[in-house]
Protein backbone atom coordinates (compact mmCIF):
# COMPACT_ATOMS: atom_id res chain seq x y z
CA UNK A 1 -0.01 0.04 0.02
CA UNK A 2 1.89 3.05 -1.19
CA UNK A 3 -0.79 5.67 -0.79
CA UNK A 4 -0.24 8.08 2.16
CA UNK A 5 -2.85 8.11 4.92
CA UNK A 6 -3.43 10.51 7.77
CA UNK A 7 -4.47 8.53 10.82
CA UNK A 8 -6.94 10.29 12.97
CA UNK A 9 -7.51 9.09 16.53
CA UNK A 10 -10.54 7.04 15.47
CA UNK A 11 -8.31 5.12 12.98
CA UNK A 12 -5.64 4.41 15.61
CA UNK A 13 -8.21 2.93 17.96
CA UNK A 14 -9.74 0.75 15.23
CA UNK A 15 -6.28 -0.64 14.28
CA UNK A 16 -5.40 -1.18 18.00
CA UNK A 17 -8.71 -2.91 18.68
CA UNK A 18 -8.27 -5.17 15.65
CA UNK A 19 -11.22 -4.00 13.59
CA UNK A 20 -10.95 -6.23 10.53
CA UNK A 21 -12.01 -3.28 8.27
CA UNK A 22 -8.80 -1.52 9.33
CA UNK A 23 -6.55 -4.58 8.82
CA UNK A 24 -5.24 -3.29 5.40
CA UNK A 25 -4.12 -0.03 7.03
CA UNK A 26 -1.84 -1.69 9.65
CA UNK A 27 1.19 -1.38 7.43
CA UNK A 28 0.10 1.76 5.60
CA UNK A 29 2.29 4.66 4.78
CA UNK A 30 0.87 6.90 7.61
CA UNK A 31 1.21 10.30 9.18
CA UNK A 32 -0.45 11.99 12.16
CA UNK A 33 0.04 14.98 14.50
CA UNK A 34 0.99 15.28 18.12
CA UNK A 35 -2.66 16.32 18.81
CA UNK A 36 -3.95 12.94 17.62
CA UNK A 37 -1.38 11.17 19.64
CA UNK A 38 -2.43 13.14 22.71
CA UNK A 39 -6.02 12.10 22.11
CA UNK A 40 -4.84 8.54 21.63
CA UNK A 41 -2.77 8.45 24.81
CA UNK A 42 -5.65 10.02 26.81
CA UNK A 43 -8.16 7.47 25.49
CA UNK A 44 -5.83 4.54 26.13
CA UNK A 45 -5.17 5.78 29.69
CA UNK A 46 -8.92 5.58 30.36
CA UNK A 47 -8.86 1.89 29.31
CA UNK A 48 -5.35 0.67 30.14
CA UNK A 49 -2.58 1.25 32.55
CA UNK A 50 -0.17 4.09 32.13
CA UNK A 51 2.81 1.99 31.01
CA UNK A 52 0.84 0.10 28.33
CA UNK A 53 -0.81 3.29 27.11
CA UNK A 54 2.52 5.06 26.82
CA UNK A 55 4.14 2.15 25.05
CA UNK A 56 1.33 1.89 22.49
CA UNK A 57 1.43 5.68 21.91
CA UNK A 58 5.23 5.61 21.53
CA UNK A 59 4.93 3.05 18.75
CA UNK A 60 3.32 5.73 16.60
CA UNK A 61 5.92 8.44 17.20
CA UNK A 62 7.46 7.76 13.72
CA UNK A 63 4.13 8.94 12.13
CA UNK A 64 4.47 12.50 13.53
CA UNK A 65 4.52 15.49 11.13
CA UNK A 66 5.03 19.17 11.89
CA UNK A 67 2.09 21.47 12.41
CA UNK A 68 2.58 25.17 11.75
CA UNK A 69 0.63 28.11 13.05
CA UNK A 70 -0.76 28.65 9.58
CA UNK A 71 -2.06 25.05 9.64
CA UNK A 72 -3.75 25.74 12.97
CA UNK A 73 -5.33 28.95 11.75
CA UNK A 74 -6.71 27.24 8.65
CA UNK A 75 -7.98 24.31 10.76
CA UNK A 76 -9.82 26.68 13.02
CA UNK A 77 -11.58 28.11 10.01
CA UNK A 78 -12.81 24.60 9.29
CA UNK A 79 -13.84 24.10 12.87
CA UNK A 80 -15.88 27.30 12.84
CA UNK A 81 -17.79 25.95 9.80
CA UNK A 82 -18.23 22.44 11.34
CA UNK A 83 -18.42 22.67 15.16
CA UNK A 84 -18.81 18.96 15.43
CA UNK A 85 -15.21 18.29 14.28
CA UNK A 86 -12.69 18.08 17.11
CA UNK A 87 -9.67 20.41 17.09
CA UNK A 88 -7.20 17.56 16.56
CA UNK A 89 -9.30 16.26 13.69
CA UNK A 90 -9.61 19.70 12.11
CA UNK A 91 -5.90 20.15 12.26
CA UNK A 92 -5.33 16.65 10.96
CA UNK A 93 -7.68 17.15 7.99
CA UNK A 94 -5.81 20.38 7.00
CA UNK A 95 -2.48 18.52 7.33
CA UNK A 96 -3.77 15.60 5.28
CA UNK A 97 -4.77 17.98 2.46
CA UNK A 98 -1.46 19.86 2.65
CA UNK A 99 0.59 16.61 2.35
CA UNK A 100 -1.73 14.93 -0.18
CA UNK A 101 -2.75 12.13 2.17
CA UNK A 102 -6.14 10.45 2.54
CA UNK A 103 -7.73 11.32 5.89
CA UNK A 104 -8.45 7.90 7.41
CA UNK A 105 -11.45 7.96 9.82
CA UNK A 106 -14.82 6.52 10.80
CA UNK A 107 -15.98 9.76 12.30
CA UNK A 108 -19.42 10.54 10.71
CA UNK A 109 -18.59 14.25 10.41
CA UNK A 110 -16.09 13.40 7.65
CA UNK A 111 -18.25 10.85 5.74
CA UNK A 112 -18.90 12.98 2.66
CA UNK A 113 -15.78 15.19 2.73
CA UNK A 114 -13.17 15.28 -0.10
CA UNK A 115 -10.09 13.06 0.29
CA UNK A 116 -11.44 11.09 3.18
CA UNK A 117 -11.12 7.35 3.41
CA UNK A 118 -14.27 6.69 5.60
CA UNK A 119 -14.14 3.21 7.18
CA UNK A 120 -16.36 1.91 9.96
């Protein structure tokens, strides 16, 4: 799989939980932001112990890409238009467009958006 995918937090959880619909993305060429890893780590810590949560999160460090202030400003324009989108996902969507990646998610707010790989 050579296409580039932006993993939002939803996608990470589906891969971690073993959702068969996400199996093909396990070895994908992937990127994400520190904001999505923060959400991931927080969500994991609500379900698992600190050490395990941190180890799982650390595994995805290699996916990190830089976020600029201009990216944040553009993402907040998107968030103003669609209040249901989380701040990390708004930033992620903008980064995915900037880097020509498919935004991988199962979040319903993104279902009909351009360049989204919507998987439940």
